Amino acid sequence: MTKLLVRIILPLVVGGALLGGCTTTKGGTASPAQSPSAGESKPSESTSSGGGGTQSITDPCSLLEMGDLSSYGQFDPPENGKIGSARACTYQKQIASASDKSMVIGANVRDNASIDQVRDTGRGVVDKEINGRKAKESPDGAAPGCTLALAVGDSSRVDVEVTAVASSDEACQVAEAVAKAAVEPRLPKG
C-alpha cells in the first residue's frame, strides 16, 4: 500500500501542485494580436519635426471618434498607447456573435517619420491624395490589413490603420473612407 501511495498518488499530487502554481488568469476580452504593419517604420535620423507637423496633435484619439466609425458597427472605447515611437489610438469592433466580422481601426501619430518612410509589407506602396493631402497606401501582404499614411509637414505623418478584416483590399477601402471623412479634416494644415 505504501509503494502504491508513493508511486501513483504522490506524483499526481506534486504534478497538480506544480501545474496549479503555473496558472494565471487575466481578466478582459480576448482579441486577435496585431501583426507588424506598414505603419511601423524605422525612426528618422533627424529629431526635428521640420515642416510643422504633428507636434500640435496632443491626443491621437482627437483624430478619430466613435461616431466616425458607426457605419462599420459598434466599437469598444478607444485605447491610447504606443506602437513603436508612434502615439496611437485604436478602436476594436465589438463582436456580438460568431458571425460578426472583426475589425480594428486606428490613428497613429508619427512625429519623426515622413510618408516616404512607409514600408512595403509585400503588396507595394501606392501614392494617393486624400482631400488634397499627399498620402501613401500600403496594403499588408502577410495578414489582412492596410496602412494609409497622411503627410503632415515634411517629416511627420498620421497613419490610418485597419487590421483584423477579411482582406487587405477591404482594409484599404475602410482606411481611405475613414481618412477622407474623419482623420484628414482634423489634421493641421500646411
C-alpha atoms as a PDB file:
ATOM      1  CA  MET A   1       0.000   0.000   0.000  1.00  0.00           C
ATOM      2  CA  THR A   2       2.825   2.418   0.841  1.00  0.00           C
ATOM      3  CA  LYS A   3       4.503   1.721  -2.510  1.00  0.00           C
ATOM      4  CA  LEU A   4       1.201   2.442  -4.263  1.00  0.00           C
ATOM      5  CA  LEU A   5       0.936   5.754  -2.418  1.00  0.00           C
ATOM      6  CA  VAL A   6       4.485   6.772  -3.309  1.00  0.00           C
ATOM      7  CA  ARG A   7       4.344   5.570  -6.947  1.00  0.00           C
ATOM      8  CA  ILE A   8       0.944   6.841  -8.042  1.00  0.00           C
ATOM      9  CA  ILE A   9      -0.716   9.279  -5.688  1.00  0.00           C
ATOM     10  CA  LEU A  10       2.321  11.349  -4.660  1.00  0.00           C
ATOM     11  CA  PRO A  11       3.369  12.177  -8.270  1.00  0.00           C
ATOM     12  CA  LEU A  12      -0.227  13.152  -9.078  1.00  0.00           C
ATOM     13  CA  VAL A  13      -0.404  15.497  -6.089  1.00  0.00           C
ATOM     14  CA  VAL A  14       3.003  17.043  -6.832  1.00  0.00           C
ATOM     15  CA  GLY A  15       2.170  17.414 -10.549  1.00  0.00           C
ATOM     16  CA  GLY A  16      -1.158  19.040  -9.742  1.00  0.00           C
ATOM     17  CA  ALA A  17       0.514  21.481  -7.364  1.00  0.00           C
ATOM     18  CA  LEU A  18       3.132  22.391  -9.964  1.00  0.00           C
ATOM     19  CA  LEU A  19       0.563  22.943 -12.691  1.00  0.00           C
ATOM     20  CA  GLY A  20      -1.693  24.900 -10.374  1.00  0.00           C
ATOM     21  CA  GLY A  21       1.194  27.167  -9.411  1.00  0.00           C
ATOM     22  CA  CYS A  22       1.883  28.000 -13.064  1.00  0.00           C
ATOM     23  CA  THR A  23      -1.649  29.006 -13.912  1.00  0.00           C
ATOM     24  CA  THR A  24      -2.543  32.676 -14.162  1.00  0.00           C
ATOM     25  CA  THR A  25      -5.825  34.267 -15.035  1.00  0.00           C
ATOM     26  CA  LYS A  26      -6.023  37.593 -16.758  1.00  0.00           C
ATOM     27  CA  GLY A  27      -9.328  39.403 -17.000  1.00  0.00           C
ATOM     28  CA  GLY A  28     -10.534  41.111 -20.140  1.00  0.00           C
ATOM     29  CA  THR A  29     -11.685  40.227 -23.610  1.00  0.00           C
ATOM     30  CA  ALA A  30      -9.638  38.105 -25.958  1.00  0.00           C
ATOM     31  CA  SER A  31      -8.712  39.801 -29.211  1.00  0.00           C
ATOM     32  CA  PRO A  32      -6.504  38.890 -32.161  1.00  0.00           C
ATOM     33  CA  ALA A  33      -2.918  40.039 -31.990  1.00  0.00           C
ATOM     34  CA  GLN A  34      -1.955  42.689 -34.478  1.00  0.00           C
ATOM     35  CA  SER A  35       0.785  41.796 -36.868  1.00  0.00           C
ATOM     36  CA  PRO A  36       3.568  44.260 -37.601  1.00  0.00           C
ATOM     37  CA  SER A  37       2.271  46.595 -40.237  1.00  0.00           C
ATOM     38  CA  ALA A  38       3.410  49.082 -42.784  1.00  0.00           C
ATOM     39  CA  GLY A  39       2.875  51.792 -40.198  1.00  0.00           C
ATOM     40  CA  GLU A  40       5.798  50.569 -38.153  1.00  0.00           C
ATOM     41  CA  SER A  41       8.779  52.182 -39.815  1.00  0.00           C
ATOM     42  CA  LYS A  42      12.300  52.933 -38.770  1.00  0.00           C
ATOM     43  CA  PRO A  43      12.568  56.210 -36.889  1.00  0.00           C
ATOM     44  CA  SER A  44      14.054  59.119 -38.765  1.00  0.00           C
ATOM     45  CA  GLU A  45      17.656  60.082 -38.101  1.00  0.00           C
ATOM     46  CA  SER A  46      16.520  63.658 -37.542  1.00  0.00           C
ATOM     47  CA  THR A  47      14.783  64.660 -34.344  1.00  0.00           C
ATOM     48  CA  SER A  48      13.321  67.882 -35.702  1.00  0.00           C
ATOM     49  CA  SER A  49       9.742  67.994 -36.874  1.00  0.00           C
ATOM     50  CA  GLY A  50      10.756  70.026 -39.958  1.00  0.00           C
ATOM     51  CA  GLY A  51       7.545  71.480 -41.532  1.00  0.00           C
ATOM     52  CA  GLY A  52       5.389  71.952 -38.501  1.00  0.00           C
ATOM     53  CA  GLY A  53       3.961  68.544 -38.497  1.00  0.00           C
ATOM     54  CA  THR A  54       2.199  66.579 -35.841  1.00  0.00           C
ATOM     55  CA  GLN A  55       3.521  68.308 -32.704  1.00  0.00           C
ATOM     56  CA  SER A  56       0.198  70.117 -32.195  1.00  0.00           C
ATOM     57  CA  ILE A  57      -1.709  66.814 -32.051  1.00  0.00           C
ATOM     58  CA  THR A  58      -1.708  66.160 -28.319  1.00  0.00           C
ATOM     59  CA  ASP A  59      -4.155  63.234 -28.355  1.00  0.00           C
ATOM     60  CA  PRO A  60      -4.307  60.807 -31.284  1.00  0.00           C
ATOM     61  CA  CYS A  61      -7.894  59.955 -30.299  1.00  0.00           C
ATOM     62  CA  SER A  62      -8.874  63.530 -31.207  1.00  0.00           C
ATOM     63  CA  LEU A  63      -8.415  62.487 -34.854  1.00  0.00           C
ATOM     64  CA  LEU A  64     -10.906  59.630 -34.784  1.00  0.00           C
ATOM     65  CA  GLU A  65     -14.078  59.377 -32.713  1.00  0.00           C
ATOM     66  CA  MET A  66     -16.518  56.516 -32.115  1.00  0.00           C
ATOM     67  CA  GLY A  67     -19.221  58.321 -34.095  1.00  0.00           C
ATOM     68  CA  ASP A  68     -16.928  58.315 -37.146  1.00  0.00           C
ATOM     69  CA  LEU A  69     -16.978  54.509 -37.124  1.00  0.00           C
ATOM     70  CA  SER A  70     -20.714  53.867 -36.640  1.00  0.00           C
ATOM     71  CA  SER A  71     -21.234  52.670 -40.221  1.00  0.00           C
ATOM     72  CA  TYR A  72     -18.826  49.785 -39.506  1.00  0.00           C
ATOM     73  CA  GLY A  73     -20.564  48.592 -36.323  1.00  0.00           C
ATOM     74  CA  GLN A  74     -20.213  49.111 -32.575  1.00  0.00           C
ATOM     75  CA  PHE A  75     -16.694  49.684 -31.261  1.00  0.00           C
ATOM     76  CA  ASP A  76     -15.160  49.472 -27.807  1.00  0.00           C
ATOM     77  CA  PRO A  77     -13.954  52.761 -26.293  1.00  0.00           C
ATOM     78  CA  PRO A  78     -10.605  53.873 -27.743  1.00  0.00           C
ATOM     79  CA  GLU A  79      -7.281  52.751 -26.336  1.00  0.00           C
ATOM     80  CA  ASN A  80      -4.397  55.230 -26.257  1.00  0.00           C
ATOM     81  CA  GLY A  81      -0.960  53.685 -26.467  1.00  0.00           C
ATOM     82  CA  LYS A  82       2.324  53.490 -28.337  1.00  0.00           C
ATOM     83  CA  ILE A  83       3.243  51.484 -31.423  1.00  0.00           C
ATOM     84  CA  GLY A  84       6.996  51.812 -31.640  1.00  0.00           C
ATOM     85  CA  SER A  85       7.601  55.546 -31.442  1.00  0.00           C
ATOM     86  CA  ALA A  86       4.093  56.424 -32.657  1.00  0.00           C
ATOM     87  CA  ARG A  87       1.334  57.715 -30.421  1.00  0.00           C
ATOM     88  CA  ALA A  88      -1.638  55.508 -31.192  1.00  0.00           C
ATOM     89  CA  CYS A  89      -5.381  55.403 -30.734  1.00  0.00           C
ATOM     90  CA  THR A  90      -7.147  52.151 -31.593  1.00  0.00           C
ATOM     91  CA  TYR A  91     -10.766  51.095 -31.712  1.00  0.00           C
ATOM     92  CA  GLN A  92     -11.736  47.424 -31.714  1.00  0.00           C
ATOM     93  CA  LYS A  93     -15.085  46.381 -33.130  1.00  0.00           C
ATOM     94  CA  GLN A  94     -17.408  44.648 -30.683  1.00  0.00           C
ATOM     95  CA  ILE A  95     -18.248  41.076 -31.615  1.00  0.00           C
ATOM     96  CA  ALA A  96     -21.733  40.004 -30.518  1.00  0.00           C
ATOM     97  CA  SER A  97     -21.855  36.614 -32.259  1.00  0.00           C
ATOM     98  CA  ALA A  98     -19.633  34.190 -34.126  1.00  0.00           C
ATOM     99  CA  SER A  99     -20.942  35.509 -37.456  1.00  0.00           C
ATOM    100  CA  ASP A 100     -19.819  39.093 -36.746  1.00  0.00           C
ATOM    101  CA  LYS A 101     -16.740  40.318 -38.601  1.00  0.00           C
ATOM    102  CA  SER A 102     -13.844  41.683 -36.587  1.00  0.00           C
ATOM    103  CA  MET A 103     -12.093  44.978 -37.289  1.00  0.00           C
ATOM    104  CA  VAL A 104      -9.529  47.215 -35.624  1.00  0.00           C
ATOM    105  CA  ILE A 105      -9.197  50.833 -36.764  1.00  0.00           C
ATOM    106  CA  GLY A 106      -6.502  53.166 -35.511  1.00  0.00           C
ATOM    107  CA  ALA A 107      -4.830  56.527 -35.938  1.00  0.00           C
ATOM    108  CA  ASN A 108      -1.072  56.537 -35.313  1.00  0.00           C
ATOM    109  CA  VAL A 109       0.768  59.859 -34.998  1.00  0.00           C
ATOM    110  CA  ARG A 110       4.384  59.633 -36.192  1.00  0.00           C
ATOM    111  CA  ASP A 111       6.220  62.833 -35.267  1.00  0.00           C
ATOM    112  CA  ASN A 112       9.510  61.871 -36.926  1.00  0.00           C
ATOM    113  CA  ALA A 113       8.552  59.727 -39.913  1.00  0.00           C
ATOM    114  CA  SER A 114       7.507  61.075 -43.305  1.00  0.00           C
ATOM    115  CA  ILE A 115       5.227  59.364 -45.792  1.00  0.00           C
ATOM    116  CA  ASP A 116       8.353  58.452 -47.766  1.00  0.00           C
ATOM    117  CA  GLN A 117       9.273  56.089 -44.923  1.00  0.00           C
ATOM    118  CA  VAL A 118       6.161  53.915 -45.261  1.00  0.00           C
ATOM    119  CA  ARG A 119       7.311  50.313 -45.563  1.00  0.00           C
ATOM    120  CA  ASP A 120       6.263  47.912 -48.296  1.00  0.00           C
ATOM    121  CA  THR A 121       4.919  44.857 -46.487  1.00  0.00           C
ATOM    122  CA  GLY A 122       4.531  42.748 -49.593  1.00  0.00           C
ATOM    123  CA  ARG A 123       1.949  44.395 -51.846  1.00  0.00           C
ATOM    124  CA  GLY A 124       3.677  47.649 -52.736  1.00  0.00           C
ATOM    125  CA  VAL A 125       3.250  51.263 -51.656  1.00  0.00           C
ATOM    126  CA  VAL A 126       0.874  53.407 -53.706  1.00  0.00           C
ATOM    127  CA  ASP A 127       0.880  57.215 -53.925  1.00  0.00           C
ATOM    128  CA  LYS A 128      -2.529  58.671 -53.033  1.00  0.00           C
ATOM    129  CA  GLU A 129      -4.142  62.019 -52.410  1.00  0.00           C
ATOM    130  CA  ILE A 130      -6.728  62.376 -49.642  1.00  0.00           C
ATOM    131  CA  ASN A 131      -8.716  65.628 -49.684  1.00  0.00           C
ATOM    132  CA  GLY A 132      -5.759  67.318 -51.436  1.00  0.00           C
ATOM    133  CA  ARG A 133      -3.164  65.960 -48.967  1.00  0.00           C
ATOM    134  CA  LYS A 134      -0.285  63.711 -50.053  1.00  0.00           C
ATOM    135  CA  ALA A 135      -0.655  60.147 -48.831  1.00  0.00           C
ATOM    136  CA  LYS A 136       0.767  56.664 -49.309  1.00  0.00           C
ATOM    137  CA  GLU A 137      -1.132  53.402 -49.037  1.00  0.00           C
ATOM    138  CA  SER A 138       0.489  50.114 -48.065  1.00  0.00           C
ATOM    139  CA  PRO A 139      -1.702  47.005 -48.152  1.00  0.00           C
ATOM    140  CA  ASP A 140      -0.314  44.272 -45.921  1.00  0.00           C
ATOM    141  CA  GLY A 141       0.968  41.271 -47.834  1.00  0.00           C
ATOM    142  CA  ALA A 142       1.155  38.859 -44.900  1.00  0.00           C
ATOM    143  CA  ALA A 143      -2.052  39.451 -42.943  1.00  0.00           C
ATOM    144  CA  PRO A 144      -5.246  41.292 -43.877  1.00  0.00           C
ATOM    145  CA  GLY A 145      -4.579  44.938 -43.124  1.00  0.00           C
ATOM    146  CA  CYS A 146      -3.729  48.315 -44.613  1.00  0.00           C
ATOM    147  CA  THR A 147      -1.915  51.489 -43.620  1.00  0.00           C
ATOM    148  CA  LEU A 148      -2.821  54.811 -45.201  1.00  0.00           C
ATOM    149  CA  ALA A 149      -0.186  57.400 -44.269  1.00  0.00           C
ATOM    150  CA  LEU A 150      -1.192  61.078 -44.458  1.00  0.00           C
ATOM    151  CA  ALA A 151       1.576  63.687 -44.758  1.00  0.00           C
ATOM    152  CA  VAL A 152       1.652  66.320 -42.018  1.00  0.00           C
ATOM    153  CA  GLY A 153       4.510  68.662 -42.876  1.00  0.00           C
ATOM    154  CA  ASP A 154       7.720  67.399 -44.455  1.00  0.00           C
ATOM    155  CA  SER A 155       8.852  64.901 -41.843  1.00  0.00           C
ATOM    156  CA  SER A 156       5.810  63.643 -39.970  1.00  0.00           C
ATOM    157  CA  ARG A 157       2.635  61.765 -40.740  1.00  0.00           C
ATOM    158  CA  VAL A 158      -0.538  60.236 -39.361  1.00  0.00           C
ATOM    159  CA  ASP A 159      -1.319  56.639 -40.284  1.00  0.00           C
ATOM    160  CA  VAL A 160      -4.877  55.387 -40.553  1.00  0.00           C
ATOM    161  CA  GLU A 161      -4.535  51.684 -39.952  1.00  0.00           C
ATOM    162  CA  VAL A 162      -7.134  48.954 -40.412  1.00  0.00           C
ATOM    163  CA  THR A 163      -6.487  45.343 -39.395  1.00  0.00           C
ATOM    164  CA  ALA A 164      -8.342  42.153 -38.449  1.00  0.00           C
ATOM    165  CA  VAL A 165     -10.613  42.203 -41.508  1.00  0.00           C
ATOM    166  CA  ALA A 166     -11.322  39.712 -44.302  1.00  0.00           C
ATOM    167  CA  SER A 167      -8.807  41.110 -46.815  1.00  0.00           C
ATOM    168  CA  SER A 168      -6.202  43.818 -47.314  1.00  0.00           C
ATOM    169  CA  ASP A 169      -8.349  45.278 -50.104  1.00  0.00           C
ATOM    170  CA  GLU A 170     -11.257  45.694 -47.674  1.00  0.00           C
ATOM    171  CA  ALA A 171      -8.882  47.192 -45.101  1.00  0.00           C
ATOM    172  CA  CYS A 172      -7.615  49.777 -47.620  1.00  0.00           C
ATOM    173  CA  GLN A 173     -11.170  50.737 -48.617  1.00  0.00           C
ATOM    174  CA  VAL A 174     -12.102  51.318 -44.968  1.00  0.00           C
ATOM    175  CA  ALA A 175      -8.843  53.190 -44.260  1.00  0.00           C
ATOM    176  CA  GLU A 176      -9.413  55.539 -47.192  1.00  0.00           C
ATOM    177  CA  ALA A 177     -13.051  56.211 -46.262  1.00  0.00           C
ATOM    178  CA  VAL A 178     -12.157  56.911 -42.612  1.00  0.00           C
ATOM    179  CA  ALA A 179      -9.219  59.115 -43.646  1.00  0.00           C
ATOM    180  CA  LYS A 180     -11.352  61.198 -46.031  1.00  0.00           C
ATOM    181  CA  ALA A 181     -14.347  61.643 -43.742  1.00  0.00           C
ATOM    182  CA  ALA A 182     -12.760  61.900 -40.297  1.00  0.00           C
ATOM    183  CA  VAL A 183      -8.983  61.958 -39.888  1.00  0.00           C
ATOM    184  CA  GLU A 184      -7.710  64.245 -42.664  1.00  0.00           C
ATOM    185  CA  PRO A 185     -10.139  67.117 -41.917  1.00  0.00           C
ATOM    186  CA  ARG A 186      -8.832  67.175 -38.312  1.00  0.00           C
ATOM    187  CA  LEU A 187      -5.133  67.331 -39.243  1.00  0.00           C
ATOM    188  CA  PRO A 188      -3.078  70.535 -39.041  1.00  0.00           C
ATOM    189  CA  LYS A 189      -2.977  72.339 -42.384  1.00  0.00           C
ATOM    190  CA  GLY A 190       0.258  73.146 -44.136  1.00  0.00           C
END
